[in-house]
Amino acid sequence: MSAQKVVVVGGGATGLSAAWWLARSGVSVTVLDKGIVGWEASGRNGGGCSHYQSPLFKEEQRLWPQMDELLGYPTEHCPERIILAVTPRQLEQYHYIAGMNNRLGHRVDLLDPQQAREAVPLAGDNCLGGIHYRFGGHANPQRTVQAYAWALQDLGGRIVQHSPVTGFAASGGKVSAVHATSGTYECDAVVIAAGPQTGRLLAQLGIDMPLAAARAEMIVTEPAPMMPLGGVDGNGLYGRQTLRGNLAYGGGPHEWVEFDELGPAVKPSTPLTRNLARRVAELLPKAAHLSVIRSWAGVIEMTPDGRPVIDRRDNVTFCTMSGVGFGLSPASGHALRDLVIEGQCTFTDIAKLGLDRFAGIEAGWREARGWLPL
């Protein structure tokens, strides 16, 4: 009996993780991507792995420390994070987060100003304190995407890059093949995890998923002296110190963009670098002299309530992660594998991530929220 054939549309962290999980289960997997794997937000983000508000959180936390061994390639995962406050309002907010997590059983320690500066030597006298997540952590997005891709290929999975999907063939009410610029790929099931293009592709199958696309920007500095813990956030920023010492940070504000079948009409540029650089200098004053040596931009998608969607209709399983796809990718890939093979997620209840919550949403929901390109 031949193996089940699954086509995964989207070569970001979520799609590659789903493909890897499926291949581990003996499925014959082909991944199609319009460009290069990880070329959008999956390879251009802060690398955070600390999503305590997600139903996938426990699986995220269970898996990340194992991912290097499971994949067979390095992700540069590092545990724990520190969040620094430079305003009283930030400190109040972070203390609230600490209390909430501790009540849920996720340990978070409070740091006074001296403890915060000792833990983060690049912090300055403006630091009012912070919190220390004893969970979570961060990984290298580029390394991780490559690790997923290589691990998938080691299991016999196929990746076809520069192959935009153009349509679907149906038989008996189910998708039987995926049409792409590189050819037609027959399948028993399809997974659509194509970032901002997910809504457009699902529309071709009669599935309405409300999405808006936004540019997410990051900057990278010259190397700084290595901190004891590279995962340091705060001041509205997310990011990390790389193993070379560079500071890589993003944190909005996001700029809404229009997205066609091949991508944004204008490729993301760097209008926010000065804003980001100022906030990094405020967060880490002892690194304020460092030059910004490059900037990145990726395109993320956002649902109306800002939460992911992971769901299935017939033999079509689909996912949009609303800007938190990288960190949750080990767990979301597991969930997608379960939906394809088992018909339901086996390790947690993901009902709150279902698409039906948007049934009957108003046609002008983007206008109502002001989520429109300038």
Protein backbone atom coordinates (compact mmCIF):
# COMPACT_ATOMS: atom_id res chain seq x y z
CA MET A 1 0.00 0.00 0.00
CA SER A 2 1.46 3.36 -1.02
CA ALA A 3 2.00 6.11 1.55
CA GLN A 4 -0.54 8.90 1.91
CA LYS A 5 0.41 11.88 -0.24
CA VAL A 6 0.17 15.35 1.32
CA VAL A 7 1.05 18.66 -0.32
CA VAL A 8 2.01 21.44 2.07
CA VAL A 9 1.61 24.94 0.64
CA GLY A 10 4.02 27.30 2.37
CA GLY A 11 7.69 26.84 3.25
CA GLY A 12 7.82 28.92 6.40
CA ALA A 13 8.45 27.54 9.87
CA THR A 14 4.85 26.34 10.31
CA GLY A 15 4.56 24.62 6.94
CA LEU A 16 7.99 23.00 7.22
CA SER A 17 7.27 21.80 10.75
CA ALA A 18 3.96 20.29 9.65
CA ALA A 19 5.70 18.59 6.72
CA TRP A 20 8.41 17.22 9.01
CA TRP A 21 5.85 15.87 11.48
CA LEU A 22 3.93 14.24 8.63
CA ALA A 23 7.07 12.71 7.15
CA ARG A 24 7.95 11.29 10.58
CA SER A 25 4.59 9.50 10.41
CA GLY A 26 5.39 7.89 7.07
CA VAL A 27 3.51 10.35 4.88
CA SER A 28 4.85 11.25 1.43
CA VAL A 29 5.20 15.03 1.64
CA THR A 30 5.82 17.75 -0.95
CA VAL A 31 6.27 21.37 0.17
CA LEU A 32 5.58 24.13 -2.35
CA ASP A 33 6.79 27.68 -1.75
CA LYS A 34 6.44 30.76 -3.95
CA GLY A 35 10.03 31.74 -3.18
CA ILE A 36 12.72 30.43 -0.87
CA VAL A 37 11.87 28.63 2.37
CA GLY A 38 11.76 30.97 5.35
CA TRP A 39 12.12 34.03 3.13
CA GLU A 40 9.31 36.01 4.73
CA ALA A 41 8.63 36.39 8.46
CA SER A 42 9.76 32.86 9.39
CA GLY A 43 13.38 33.76 8.77
CA ARG A 44 13.06 37.41 9.84
CA ASN A 45 11.77 37.59 13.41
CA GLY A 46 12.94 37.86 16.98
CA GLY A 47 13.15 34.11 17.53
CA GLY A 48 11.03 34.13 20.71
CA CYS A 49 9.64 30.83 22.04
CA SER A 50 7.58 31.97 25.04
CA HIS A 51 3.89 32.01 24.02
CA TYR A 52 2.21 31.40 27.37
CA GLN A 53 -1.20 32.62 26.14
CA SER A 54 -1.51 29.91 23.49
CA PRO A 55 -3.18 26.51 23.94
CA LEU A 56 -0.05 25.19 22.21
CA PHE A 57 2.20 26.60 24.96
CA LYS A 58 2.88 23.39 26.91
CA GLU A 59 3.80 21.52 23.74
CA GLU A 60 5.97 24.46 22.62
CA GLN A 61 7.84 24.33 25.92
CA ARG A 62 8.15 20.54 25.87
CA LEU A 63 9.57 20.41 22.36
CA TRP A 64 12.00 23.32 22.00
CA PRO A 65 14.73 21.88 24.29
CA GLN A 66 14.60 18.70 22.17
CA MET A 67 14.51 20.22 18.69
CA ASP A 68 18.23 20.08 17.92
CA GLU A 69 18.25 16.36 18.71
CA LEU A 70 14.92 15.65 16.97
CA LEU A 71 15.82 17.52 13.79
CA GLY A 72 19.47 16.54 13.76
CA TYR A 73 20.55 20.11 13.02
CA PRO A 74 21.17 23.18 15.21
CA THR A 75 18.44 25.70 15.98
CA GLU A 76 20.58 27.64 18.50
CA HIS A 77 17.76 27.37 21.03
CA CYS A 78 18.56 29.11 24.33
CA PRO A 79 16.25 28.88 27.37
CA GLU A 80 14.68 31.65 29.49
CA ARG A 81 14.10 35.36 28.90
CA ILE A 82 14.37 38.66 30.76
CA ILE A 83 12.00 41.59 30.22
CA LEU A 84 13.30 45.02 31.27
CA ALA A 85 11.19 48.06 32.17
CA VAL A 86 12.32 51.61 31.47
CA THR A 87 9.03 53.32 32.43
CA PRO A 88 6.74 52.86 35.46
CA ARG A 89 3.90 51.77 33.19
CA GLN A 90 6.05 49.04 31.66
CA LEU A 91 7.08 47.82 35.10
CA GLU A 92 3.45 47.64 36.20
CA GLN A 93 2.54 45.71 33.06
CA TYR A 94 5.41 43.24 33.47
CA HIS A 95 4.58 42.63 37.14
CA TYR A 96 1.00 41.84 36.07
CA ILE A 97 2.35 39.35 33.51
CA ALA A 98 4.57 37.77 36.17
CA GLY A 99 1.66 37.36 38.58
CA MET A 100 -0.55 35.84 35.91
CA ASN A 101 2.11 33.32 34.86
CA ASN A 102 2.97 32.34 38.40
CA ARG A 103 -0.71 31.66 39.11
CA LEU A 104 -0.73 29.40 36.05
CA GLY A 105 2.35 27.55 37.29
CA HIS A 106 4.84 29.18 34.88
CA ARG A 107 7.65 30.53 37.04
CA VAL A 108 8.52 34.21 36.59
CA ASP A 109 10.87 35.99 39.01
CA LEU A 110 10.66 39.72 39.78
CA LEU A 111 13.91 41.67 39.39
CA ASP A 112 14.67 44.94 41.20
CA PRO A 113 16.79 47.52 39.33
CA GLN A 114 20.09 46.21 40.69
CA GLN A 115 19.23 42.59 39.93
CA ALA A 116 18.11 43.56 36.43
CA ARG A 117 21.36 45.41 35.70
CA GLU A 118 23.41 42.51 37.03
CA ALA A 119 21.51 40.08 34.81
CA VAL A 120 21.70 42.39 31.78
CA PRO A 121 25.07 44.21 31.78
CA LEU A 122 24.04 46.38 28.79
CA ALA A 123 21.14 47.88 30.78
CA GLY A 124 21.52 51.39 32.19
CA ASP A 125 20.53 53.57 35.12
CA ASN A 126 17.12 54.10 33.51
CA CYS A 127 16.23 50.45 34.15
CA LEU A 128 13.48 50.27 36.77
CA GLY A 129 13.56 46.50 37.14
CA GLY A 130 12.10 43.64 35.21
CA ILE A 131 10.98 40.04 35.19
CA HIS A 132 12.78 36.79 34.45
CA TYR A 133 10.89 34.04 32.60
CA ARG A 134 12.18 30.70 33.83
CA PHE A 135 10.54 29.16 30.78
CA GLY A 136 10.54 29.96 27.08
CA GLY A 137 13.63 31.23 25.37
CA HIS A 138 14.65 31.94 21.79
CA ALA A 139 16.21 30.32 18.73
CA ASN A 140 17.82 31.44 15.49
CA PRO A 141 15.07 31.76 12.85
CA GLN A 142 17.34 31.18 9.85
CA ARG A 143 19.05 28.19 11.43
CA THR A 144 15.73 26.71 12.51
CA VAL A 145 14.06 27.02 9.11
CA GLN A 146 17.07 25.34 7.52
CA ALA A 147 16.99 22.61 10.18
CA TYR A 148 13.32 21.86 9.44
CA ALA A 149 14.05 21.74 5.70
CA TRP A 150 17.07 19.45 5.98
CA ALA A 151 15.33 17.17 8.49
CA LEU A 152 12.32 16.88 6.19
CA GLN A 153 14.53 16.01 3.23
CA ASP A 154 16.37 13.42 5.34
CA LEU A 155 12.99 11.70 5.79
CA GLY A 156 12.35 11.70 2.04
CA GLY A 157 10.24 14.86 1.90
CA ARG A 158 10.45 17.08 -1.16
CA ILE A 159 10.71 20.88 -1.23
CA VAL A 160 9.93 22.79 -4.42
CA GLN A 161 10.96 26.46 -4.23
CA HIS A 162 10.04 29.30 -6.59
CA SER A 163 6.75 27.50 -7.24
CA PRO A 164 3.68 29.69 -6.53
CA VAL A 165 0.43 27.75 -6.23
CA THR A 166 -2.05 28.71 -8.93
CA GLY A 167 -5.06 26.56 -8.08
CA PHE A 168 -6.51 23.25 -6.98
CA ALA A 169 -8.19 20.26 -8.59
CA ALA A 170 -11.13 18.61 -6.82
CA SER A 171 -12.66 15.14 -7.02
CA GLY A 172 -15.61 13.96 -4.99
CA GLY A 173 -15.71 17.23 -3.07
CA LYS A 174 -12.10 16.94 -1.94
CA VAL A 175 -8.83 18.41 -3.19
CA SER A 176 -7.10 15.85 -5.39
CA ALA A 177 -4.21 17.92 -6.73
CA VAL A 178 -2.44 21.24 -6.32
CA HIS A 179 -1.52 23.27 -9.41
CA ALA A 180 1.68 25.31 -9.25
CA THR A 181 3.94 27.02 -11.74
CA SER A 182 6.28 24.03 -11.50
CA GLY A 183 3.61 21.45 -12.25
CA THR A 184 0.61 19.61 -10.82
CA TYR A 185 0.97 17.63 -7.60
CA GLU A 186 -1.58 14.92 -6.82
CA CYS A 187 -2.49 14.51 -3.17
CA ASP A 188 -4.73 12.77 -0.67
CA ALA A 189 -4.74 15.85 1.54
CA VAL A 190 -3.40 19.39 1.50
CA VAL A 191 -2.05 21.67 4.23
CA ILE A 192 -2.16 25.41 3.59
CA ALA A 193 0.21 27.40 5.81
CA ALA A 194 1.13 30.17 3.41
CA GLY A 195 1.27 33.20 5.69
CA PRO A 196 -0.52 36.25 4.25
CA GLN A 197 -1.50 34.28 1.14
CA THR A 198 -3.44 31.69 3.14
CA GLY A 199 -6.71 33.61 2.88
CA ARG A 200 -6.43 34.04 -0.90
CA LEU A 201 -5.68 30.35 -1.42
CA LEU A 202 -8.49 29.21 0.85
CA ALA A 203 -10.91 31.48 -1.01
CA GLN A 204 -10.30 29.35 -4.11
CA LEU A 205 -11.68 26.42 -2.09
CA GLY A 206 -14.72 28.34 -0.85
CA ILE A 207 -13.27 28.89 2.63
CA ASP A 208 -13.39 32.44 3.97
CA MET A 209 -10.54 33.36 6.31
CA PRO A 210 -10.30 37.08 7.18
CA LEU A 211 -6.68 38.22 7.13
CA ALA A 212 -4.71 41.44 6.85
CA ALA A 213 -1.02 41.62 5.92
CA ALA A 214 1.56 43.83 7.62
CA ARG A 215 5.25 44.54 7.33
CA ALA A 216 7.32 43.44 10.33
CA GLU A 217 10.69 45.16 10.65
CA MET A 218 13.90 44.34 12.51
CA ILE A 219 17.36 45.84 12.91
CA VAL A 220 20.73 44.23 13.63
CA THR A 221 23.63 46.01 15.32
CA GLU A 222 27.35 45.47 15.46
CA PRO A 223 28.39 42.81 17.99
CA ALA A 224 28.15 43.80 21.64
CA PRO A 225 29.84 42.12 24.63
CA MET A 226 28.03 38.86 25.31
CA MET A 227 25.35 39.00 27.97
CA PRO A 228 24.79 36.05 30.35
CA LEU A 229 21.31 35.59 28.86
CA GLY A 230 20.76 36.56 25.24
CA GLY A 231 16.97 36.72 25.38
CA VAL A 232 16.24 40.27 26.60
CA ASP A 233 13.02 42.12 25.70
CA GLY A 234 11.25 45.26 26.84
CA ASN A 235 10.34 48.81 25.77
CA GLY A 236 7.93 47.40 23.20
CA LEU A 237 10.69 45.34 21.57
CA TYR A 238 11.28 41.67 20.94
CA GLY A 239 14.55 40.11 19.92
CA ARG A 240 17.76 38.55 21.11
CA GLN A 241 21.52 38.72 21.17
CA THR A 242 22.96 36.37 18.57
CA LEU A 243 25.78 33.96 19.30
CA ARG A 244 28.11 36.44 17.57
CA GLY A 245 27.00 39.24 19.90
CA ASN A 246 24.80 41.20 17.47
CA LEU A 247 21.59 42.68 18.85
CA ALA A 248 18.61 41.76 16.63
CA TYR A 249 15.39 43.59 17.54
CA GLY A 250 11.97 44.39 16.17
CA GLY A 251 8.71 45.56 17.64
CA GLY A 252 6.54 47.55 15.30
CA PRO A 253 4.57 49.58 14.76
CA HIS A 254 3.55 47.34 11.87
CA GLU A 255 2.68 48.90 8.55
CA TRP A 256 -0.33 47.39 6.78
CA VAL A 257 0.28 46.36 3.16
CA GLU A 258 -1.73 44.97 0.28
CA PHE A 259 -0.84 41.43 -0.75
CA ASP A 260 -1.40 39.90 -4.19
CA GLU A 261 -0.73 36.39 -5.46
CA LEU A 262 3.05 36.82 -5.43
CA GLY A 263 3.52 39.06 -2.42
CA PRO A 264 3.27 42.68 -1.33
CA ALA A 265 3.00 45.25 -4.10
CA VAL A 266 6.08 46.95 -2.64
CA LYS A 267 8.77 44.78 -1.07
CA PRO A 268 9.29 45.67 2.61
CA SER A 269 11.89 48.37 3.10
CA THR A 270 13.18 50.08 6.23
CA PRO A 271 11.06 53.06 7.30
CA LEU A 272 11.18 52.11 11.00
CA THR A 273 14.89 51.63 11.60
CA ARG A 274 15.35 54.95 13.42
CA ASN A 275 12.39 54.25 15.70
CA LEU A 276 13.67 50.76 16.51
CA ALA A 277 17.24 51.95 17.05
CA ARG A 278 16.07 54.62 19.50
CA ARG A 279 14.13 52.10 21.56
CA VAL A 280 17.01 49.61 21.60
CA ALA A 281 19.28 52.41 22.87
CA GLU A 282 16.74 53.20 25.61
CA LEU A 283 16.47 49.53 26.57
CA LEU A 284 20.23 48.85 26.50
CA PRO A 285 22.03 52.21 26.94
CA LYS A 286 25.47 50.61 27.18
CA ALA A 287 24.99 49.42 23.60
CA ALA A 288 23.72 52.79 22.33
CA HIS A 289 27.03 53.52 20.56
CA LEU A 290 26.72 50.49 18.29
CA SER A 291 25.96 51.01 14.62
CA VAL A 292 22.99 49.40 12.92
CA ILE A 293 24.60 47.23 10.23
CA ARG A 294 21.50 45.85 8.50
CA SER A 295 17.75 45.65 8.70
CA TRP A 296 15.28 42.92 7.84
CA ALA A 297 11.62 42.96 6.95
CA GLY A 298 9.11 40.18 6.57
CA VAL A 299 5.38 40.12 5.95
CA ILE A 300 3.08 38.75 8.63
CA GLU A 301 -0.64 38.10 8.57
CA MET A 302 -3.16 38.97 11.26
CA THR A 303 -6.66 37.69 11.97
CA PRO A 304 -9.28 40.15 13.30
CA ASP A 305 -8.72 39.07 16.91
CA GLY A 306 -4.96 38.68 16.55
CA ARG A 307 -5.00 34.96 17.37
CA PRO A 308 -4.00 32.01 15.18
CA VAL A 309 -6.34 29.76 13.23
CA ILE A 310 -5.66 26.02 13.02
CA ASP A 311 -8.53 24.06 11.50
CA ARG A 312 -9.64 21.54 8.90
CA ARG A 313 -12.36 21.27 6.25
CA ASP A 314 -12.66 17.87 4.52
CA ASN A 315 -9.10 17.01 3.41
CA VAL A 316 -7.87 20.62 3.62
CA THR A 317 -6.02 21.51 6.82
CA PHE A 318 -5.02 25.14 7.23
CA CYS A 319 -3.21 27.44 9.57
CA THR A 320 -2.42 31.10 10.05
CA MET A 321 -0.36 32.06 13.08
CA SER A 322 -0.95 35.84 13.31
CA GLY A 323 2.65 36.81 13.91
CA VAL A 324 3.62 34.09 16.44
CA GLY A 325 4.33 31.29 13.99
CA PHE A 326 8.05 30.83 14.54
CA GLY A 327 8.08 30.17 18.27
CA LEU A 328 5.03 27.94 18.20
CA SER A 329 6.16 26.03 15.09
CA PRO A 330 7.20 22.79 16.81
CA ALA A 331 3.75 22.57 18.43
CA SER A 332 1.69 23.93 15.51
CA GLY A 333 3.36 21.47 13.17
CA HIS A 334 2.39 18.66 15.56
CA ALA A 335 -1.19 19.93 15.66
CA LEU A 336 -1.40 20.12 11.87
CA ARG A 337 -0.03 16.59 11.57
CA ASP A 338 -2.71 15.41 13.99
CA LEU A 339 -5.51 17.13 12.07
CA VAL A 340 -4.36 15.55 8.81
CA ILE A 341 -3.89 12.02 10.15
CA GLU A 342 -6.11 11.77 13.24
CA GLY A 343 -8.76 14.37 12.41
CA GLN A 344 -8.18 16.19 15.69
CA CYS A 345 -5.35 17.53 17.83
CA THR A 346 -4.27 14.77 20.21
CA PHE A 347 -2.27 16.71 22.80
CA THR A 348 -4.35 19.80 23.61
CA ASP A 349 -7.73 21.43 22.98
CA ILE A 350 -7.42 23.86 20.05
CA ALA A 351 -11.14 24.59 19.69
CA LYS A 352 -10.55 28.28 20.43
CA LEU A 353 -8.33 28.42 17.32
CA GLY A 354 -11.14 27.29 15.02
CA LEU A 355 -12.17 29.36 12.00
CA ASP A 356 -15.86 29.35 12.92
CA ARG A 357 -15.30 32.13 15.43
CA PHE A 358 -15.25 34.55 12.49
CA ALA A 359 -18.54 33.36 10.99
CA GLY A 360 -20.63 36.39 10.04
CA ILE A 361 -17.82 38.92 10.50
CA GLU A 362 -18.63 42.25 8.89
CA ALA A 363 -17.30 42.79 5.36
CA GLY A 364 -15.56 46.02 6.37
CA TRP A 365 -13.76 44.64 9.40
CA ARG A 366 -10.37 45.97 8.23
CA GLU A 367 -11.72 49.48 7.74
CA ALA A 368 -13.39 49.33 11.17
CA ARG A 369 -10.05 48.54 12.79
CA GLY A 370 -8.04 50.96 10.69
CA TRP A 371 -5.89 48.14 9.31
CA LEU A 372 -5.35 49.74 5.93
CA PRO A 373 -2.22 50.69 3.97
CA LEU A 374 -1.26 54.34 4.16
